[in-house]
Amino acid sequence: MSVPETAKPIIEVNNIAPQVQYIGQQHTPIIIIDNFAGDISELIDIAVNGSQFSQDPGSYYPGQRTALPRQYIIEVINAVFQLIYDVYRIPTQLRLKPQQCVYSLIDKQPQTLSPLQCLPHFDTPSPNYFAILHYLNDGPHGDTGFFRHNPTDYERITAENIDAYFTKAQPFLDAKKQTSASYFVASDEHYSLYHQIEYRPNRLVIYPGNLLHSTLVNPQTDIDANPTSGRLTANIFIHFQ
């Protein structure tokens, strides 16, 4: 189900060598592809010189976003869609539908975060919704962390367990409202950081959106709205329906 390319390529995808890691107690597969593209300078240049970043009112993302170029989205999806079908055993009758496709930059200072932004999050309880994350700028920048909710042992939030999760998580969320806001970057009595993916430029990561996860934000290097120096990523969210 490759998508026809209609314009000059923005990236040239390398001969990819995906790593599949099985993480957590549920052995959930995540896909890591290093050196995904031969050259990402044009993709970064579009973010720097051809884009207007703004706050994303439709999500709790702690920063600014702007649309990715359509041609890049096509190139990425064409390169990885069959891999996702195979690794996650997506039923063949389901079709891939892009959702949100954006550049992202973290810019919120810790003290300005809302309580929900101070917890690991999930994108959706659907098992067929995936995040494709492409790290772009040179580092060092914060890794991506995956968390287990200790009171329930949940690593993935589903339609079956979402109510139980929110019931158990609410007391911790209420307590957060009484403390200084901060990014969630390490284990505590409520959540365990059981796996993290190192930030590397030109690394592409694919994982189910219902995993509890968070950027492990380093305020010294990651809170930066400048697309030339901030934690610039390309984020493609897809849903098989």
Protein backbone atom coordinates (compact mmCIF):
# COMPACT_ATOMS: atom_id res chain seq x y z
CA MET A 1 0.00 0.00 0.00
CA SER A 2 2.83 2.39 -0.79
CA VAL A 3 1.84 6.00 -1.41
CA PRO A 4 2.81 7.59 -4.75
CA GLU A 5 5.58 10.14 -4.42
CA THR A 6 4.73 13.42 -6.11
CA ALA A 7 7.66 15.76 -5.57
CA LYS A 8 11.43 15.97 -5.32
CA PRO A 9 12.63 13.74 -2.45
CA ILE A 10 13.41 15.43 0.86
CA ILE A 11 15.30 12.43 2.21
CA GLU A 12 16.80 9.34 0.65
CA VAL A 13 16.06 6.39 2.91
CA ASN A 14 19.08 4.15 3.44
CA ASN A 15 19.03 0.37 3.20
CA ILE A 16 17.53 0.11 6.64
CA ALA A 17 18.58 -2.45 9.24
CA PRO A 18 15.84 -2.36 11.86
CA GLN A 19 16.41 -3.55 15.41
CA VAL A 20 13.36 -4.96 17.17
CA GLN A 21 13.57 -4.77 20.95
CA TYR A 22 11.02 -6.44 23.23
CA ILE A 23 10.54 -4.27 26.27
CA GLY A 24 8.93 -4.57 29.66
CA GLN A 25 6.99 -7.36 31.29
CA GLN A 26 4.69 -7.53 28.26
CA HIS A 27 7.61 -7.86 25.83
CA THR A 28 6.15 -5.16 23.61
CA PRO A 29 8.13 -4.78 20.38
CA ILE A 30 9.63 -1.42 19.51
CA ILE A 31 11.52 -0.77 16.29
CA ILE A 32 14.76 1.23 16.11
CA ILE A 33 16.41 2.20 12.82
CA ASP A 34 19.72 4.04 13.01
CA ASN A 35 21.01 6.17 10.12
CA PHE A 36 17.53 6.11 8.65
CA ALA A 37 18.22 8.63 5.90
CA GLY A 38 21.33 9.44 3.94
CA ASP A 39 21.04 13.17 4.61
CA ILE A 40 18.54 14.97 6.85
CA SER A 41 19.90 18.49 6.32
CA GLU A 42 17.06 19.54 3.98
CA LEU A 43 14.47 18.22 6.43
CA ILE A 44 16.04 20.29 9.20
CA ASP A 45 16.38 23.32 6.91
CA ILE A 46 12.64 23.25 6.20
CA ALA A 47 11.99 23.36 9.95
CA VAL A 48 14.46 26.22 10.45
CA ASN A 49 13.71 28.41 7.43
CA GLY A 50 10.38 27.31 6.03
CA SER A 51 8.13 26.64 9.02
CA GLN A 52 6.16 28.60 11.60
CA PHE A 53 6.05 26.85 14.97
CA SER A 54 3.20 27.41 17.43
CA GLN A 55 1.70 25.84 20.52
CA ASP A 56 -0.38 22.72 19.88
CA PRO A 57 -3.78 23.39 21.49
CA GLY A 58 -5.04 19.90 20.71
CA SER A 59 -2.58 18.02 22.90
CA TYR A 60 -0.62 18.19 26.14
CA TYR A 61 2.69 18.39 24.28
CA PRO A 62 4.91 20.80 26.26
CA GLY A 63 6.12 22.83 23.34
CA GLN A 64 5.61 24.00 19.79
CA ARG A 65 4.79 22.15 16.60
CA THR A 66 4.38 22.72 12.90
CA ALA A 67 3.34 20.54 9.98
CA LEU A 68 5.84 18.20 8.36
CA PRO A 69 6.28 18.36 4.58
CA ARG A 70 3.94 15.93 2.86
CA GLN A 71 6.70 14.45 0.72
CA TYR A 72 8.73 13.47 3.79
CA ILE A 73 5.67 11.80 5.35
CA ILE A 74 5.20 9.75 2.17
CA GLU A 75 8.88 8.74 2.12
CA VAL A 76 8.84 7.57 5.74
CA ILE A 77 5.58 5.65 5.47
CA ASN A 78 6.65 3.94 2.26
CA ALA A 79 9.86 2.82 3.96
CA VAL A 80 8.32 1.35 7.12
CA PHE A 81 4.67 0.44 6.62
CA GLN A 82 5.30 -3.22 5.75
CA LEU A 83 7.70 -3.56 8.67
CA ILE A 84 4.99 -2.32 11.04
CA TYR A 85 2.42 -4.72 9.58
CA ASP A 86 4.86 -7.59 10.08
CA VAL A 87 6.30 -6.81 13.52
CA TYR A 88 2.96 -5.93 15.11
CA ARG A 89 0.94 -8.49 13.16
CA ILE A 90 -1.56 -5.91 12.00
CA PRO A 91 -4.56 -7.59 10.32
CA THR A 92 -4.18 -7.14 6.58
CA GLN A 93 -7.72 -5.82 6.20
CA LEU A 94 -6.80 -2.74 8.26
CA ARG A 95 -5.44 0.24 6.35
CA LEU A 96 -2.84 2.73 7.52
CA LYS A 97 -4.20 6.24 8.05
CA PRO A 98 -1.84 9.09 9.00
CA GLN A 99 -3.07 11.15 11.92
CA GLN A 100 -0.92 14.04 13.16
CA CYS A 101 2.39 14.64 11.32
CA VAL A 102 4.51 17.40 12.87
CA TYR A 103 7.90 18.77 13.77
CA SER A 104 8.13 19.15 17.56
CA LEU A 105 10.20 21.34 19.90
CA ILE A 106 9.97 21.34 23.71
CA ASP A 107 9.86 24.85 25.15
CA LYS A 108 7.86 24.80 28.40
CA GLN A 109 9.78 25.50 31.58
CA PRO A 110 9.12 22.90 34.31
CA GLN A 111 7.32 25.31 36.62
CA THR A 112 4.74 26.09 33.89
CA LEU A 113 3.66 22.47 33.32
CA SER A 114 0.12 21.33 34.07
CA PRO A 115 -0.27 18.31 36.39
CA LEU A 116 -0.97 15.96 33.46
CA GLN A 117 2.26 17.10 31.80
CA CYS A 118 4.15 15.94 34.90
CA LEU A 119 3.24 12.27 34.38
CA PRO A 120 4.08 9.62 31.80
CA HIS A 121 1.38 9.61 29.15
CA PHE A 122 -0.14 7.47 26.43
CA ASP A 123 -1.44 8.68 23.08
CA THR A 124 -4.54 6.51 22.75
CA PRO A 125 -5.80 3.17 24.11
CA SER A 126 -6.01 1.73 20.58
CA PRO A 127 -3.60 -1.18 20.02
CA ASN A 128 -3.23 -0.21 16.35
CA TYR A 129 -2.06 3.38 16.83
CA PHE A 130 1.69 3.98 16.47
CA ALA A 131 4.20 6.77 16.89
CA ILE A 132 7.01 7.14 14.35
CA LEU A 133 9.65 9.35 15.95
CA HIS A 134 12.65 10.69 14.02
CA TYR A 135 15.36 12.42 16.07
CA LEU A 136 16.86 15.23 13.98
CA ASN A 137 19.22 17.76 15.58
CA ASP A 138 22.62 16.91 16.96
CA GLY A 139 22.61 16.09 20.66
CA PRO A 140 22.92 15.73 23.47
CA HIS A 141 19.17 15.67 24.03
CA GLY A 142 16.80 13.75 26.25
CA ASP A 143 16.00 10.11 25.59
CA THR A 144 12.53 8.58 25.29
CA GLY A 145 11.51 6.66 28.41
CA PHE A 146 8.91 3.93 28.91
CA PHE A 147 7.19 3.53 32.26
CA ARG A 148 5.21 0.97 34.24
CA HIS A 149 2.43 2.15 36.54
CA ASN A 150 3.37 0.44 39.80
CA PRO A 151 -0.05 0.23 41.51
CA THR A 152 -1.50 -1.67 38.53
CA ASP A 153 1.60 -3.02 36.73
CA TYR A 154 0.20 -1.52 33.51
CA GLU A 155 2.66 -0.69 30.75
CA ARG A 156 0.07 -0.29 27.99
CA ILE A 157 -3.29 1.40 28.43
CA THR A 158 -6.17 -0.32 26.64
CA ALA A 159 -9.93 0.03 26.37
CA GLU A 160 -10.17 -2.77 28.94
CA ASN A 161 -7.92 -1.25 31.61
CA ILE A 162 -8.19 2.51 31.07
CA ASP A 163 -10.82 3.07 33.76
CA ALA A 164 -8.86 1.09 36.34
CA TYR A 165 -5.70 2.98 35.41
CA PHE A 166 -7.27 6.42 35.85
CA THR A 167 -8.86 5.38 39.14
CA LYS A 168 -5.49 4.30 40.53
CA ALA A 169 -3.55 7.21 39.00
CA GLN A 170 -5.91 9.94 40.23
CA PRO A 171 -4.52 10.17 43.79
CA PHE A 172 -1.01 10.68 42.41
CA LEU A 173 -2.30 13.31 39.98
CA ASP A 174 -4.08 15.08 42.84
CA ALA A 175 -0.87 15.05 44.86
CA LYS A 176 1.02 16.55 41.91
CA LYS A 177 -1.27 19.57 42.06
CA GLN A 178 0.13 20.35 45.51
CA THR A 179 3.82 20.13 44.57
CA SER A 180 6.20 22.02 42.30
CA ALA A 181 5.74 21.06 38.66
CA SER A 182 8.54 19.15 36.95
CA TYR A 183 9.16 16.82 34.04
CA PHE A 184 8.88 13.12 34.85
CA VAL A 185 12.29 11.59 34.15
CA ALA A 186 12.95 8.81 36.70
CA SER A 187 11.32 6.04 38.69
CA ASP A 188 9.38 6.77 41.86
CA GLU A 189 6.85 4.87 43.98
CA HIS A 190 4.13 5.35 41.35
CA TYR A 191 5.94 4.74 38.05
CA SER A 192 9.01 2.68 37.13
CA LEU A 193 11.25 3.68 34.23
CA TYR A 194 11.95 0.24 32.78
CA HIS A 195 13.37 1.11 29.36
CA GLN A 196 14.74 4.10 27.52
CA ILE A 197 15.76 4.79 23.94
CA GLU A 198 18.83 6.93 23.52
CA TYR A 199 18.46 10.11 21.50
CA ARG A 200 20.68 9.88 18.42
CA PRO A 201 20.42 12.14 15.37
CA ASN A 202 18.83 10.39 12.38
CA ARG A 203 17.51 7.55 14.54
CA LEU A 204 13.93 6.51 13.76
CA VAL A 205 11.86 4.85 16.48
CA ILE A 206 8.45 3.17 16.15
CA TYR A 207 6.34 2.15 19.13
CA PRO A 208 2.67 1.61 20.07
CA GLY A 209 1.00 4.80 21.21
CA ASN A 210 -0.69 3.08 24.15
CA LEU A 211 2.63 2.52 25.94
CA LEU A 212 3.14 4.81 28.93
CA HIS A 213 6.05 7.00 27.90
CA SER A 214 7.70 10.38 28.31
CA THR A 215 10.60 12.41 26.99
CA LEU A 216 13.35 12.35 29.62
CA VAL A 217 13.74 16.11 29.47
CA ASN A 218 17.03 17.70 30.44
CA PRO A 219 16.14 21.36 31.10
CA GLN A 220 19.66 22.49 30.19
CA THR A 221 19.61 20.99 26.68
CA ASP A 222 16.01 20.27 25.72
CA ILE A 223 13.91 23.34 26.59
CA ASP A 224 14.69 25.38 23.51
CA ALA A 225 12.27 26.72 20.88
CA ASN A 226 15.08 27.36 18.39
CA PRO A 227 14.86 24.68 15.66
CA THR A 228 18.60 24.91 15.01
CA SER A 229 19.55 23.90 18.56
CA GLY A 230 16.48 22.49 20.32
CA ARG A 231 15.32 18.89 20.62
CA LEU A 232 13.88 18.86 17.11
CA THR A 233 11.98 15.73 16.17
CA ALA A 234 9.69 14.66 13.35
CA ASN A 235 6.60 12.90 14.69
CA ILE A 236 4.26 10.87 12.51
CA PHE A 237 1.27 9.26 14.21
CA ILE A 238 -0.54 6.54 12.30
CA HIS A 239 -3.62 4.42 12.93
CA PHE A 240 -4.53 1.14 11.28
CA GLN A 241 -8.32 1.09 10.84
